[in-house]
Protein backbone atom coordinates (compact mmCIF):
# COMPACT_ATOMS: atom_id res chain seq x y z
CA MET A 1 -15.59 -12.04 31.26
CA LEU A 2 -12.18 -10.53 32.09
CA LEU A 3 -11.27 -10.27 28.42
CA ASP A 4 -14.55 -8.49 27.66
CA ARG A 5 -14.04 -6.03 30.52
CA ILE A 6 -10.52 -5.18 29.39
CA ASN A 7 -11.48 -4.74 25.75
CA SER A 8 -14.56 -2.67 26.61
CA THR A 9 -12.36 0.07 28.07
CA GLY A 10 -11.03 0.88 24.61
CA SER A 11 -7.56 1.40 26.07
CA VAL A 12 -6.18 -2.04 25.32
CA TYR A 13 -7.20 -4.76 22.91
CA MET A 14 -6.45 -8.30 23.97
CA ASN A 15 -7.42 -11.69 22.64
CA HIS A 16 -7.04 -15.23 23.92
CA THR A 17 -5.38 -18.49 23.12
CA ILE A 18 -5.27 -21.96 24.62
CA VAL A 19 -1.87 -23.52 25.22
CA ASP A 20 -1.70 -27.09 26.52
CA GLY A 21 -5.33 -26.77 27.62
CA VAL A 22 -4.73 -23.54 29.56
CA TYR A 23 -6.77 -20.45 28.59
CA MET A 24 -4.52 -17.40 28.36
CA LEU A 25 -4.96 -13.74 27.53
CA ARG A 26 -2.53 -12.19 25.11
CA CYS A 27 -1.74 -8.79 23.75
CA ALA A 28 0.33 -8.16 20.65
CA VAL A 29 2.52 -5.07 20.80
CA ARG A 30 3.14 -4.32 17.16
CA SER A 31 3.91 -0.64 16.91
CA THR A 32 7.38 0.84 16.90
CA LEU A 33 5.82 3.76 18.79
CA THR A 34 4.91 1.55 21.77
CA GLU A 35 6.94 2.44 24.85
CA GLU A 36 7.35 0.91 28.27
CA LEU A 37 4.79 3.34 29.69
CA HIS A 38 2.14 1.85 27.38
CA VAL A 39 2.88 -1.68 28.58
CA VAL A 40 2.88 -0.53 32.21
CA ALA A 41 -0.50 1.18 31.69
CA ALA A 42 -1.91 -1.97 30.09
CA TRP A 43 -0.68 -4.09 32.99
CA LYS A 44 -2.22 -1.63 35.48
CA LEU A 45 -5.57 -1.87 33.68
CA ILE A 46 -5.42 -5.67 33.68
CA LYS A 47 -4.72 -5.73 37.42
CA GLU A 48 -7.55 -3.28 38.11
CA GLU A 49 -10.03 -5.40 36.17
CA VAL A 50 -8.86 -8.59 37.91
CA ASP A 51 -9.28 -6.88 41.29
CA ALA A 52 -12.78 -5.66 40.36
CA LEU A 53 -13.84 -9.14 39.24
CA THR A 54 -12.33 -10.74 42.34
CA LYS A 55 -14.30 -8.40 44.61
CA ARG A 56 -17.46 -9.12 42.64
CA VAL A 57 -17.01 -12.88 42.97
CA GLU A 58 -16.14 -12.65 46.66
CA SER A 59 -19.25 -10.57 47.35
CA GLY A 60 -21.44 -13.09 45.55
CA VAL A 61 -22.69 -10.68 42.90
């Protein structure tokens, strides 16, 4: 659900992997034009989506 929410924004594309049985999100930064501000913006988006999902779960929706 989190992965779908992040990808649906169109701002960041992430995928997933499983390492030692643990589900993880990952994002490949492959452009030489990528700067720190892009990574910071991606992290901000991830945190916002986590917060939104947390509130949704806590409210029972």
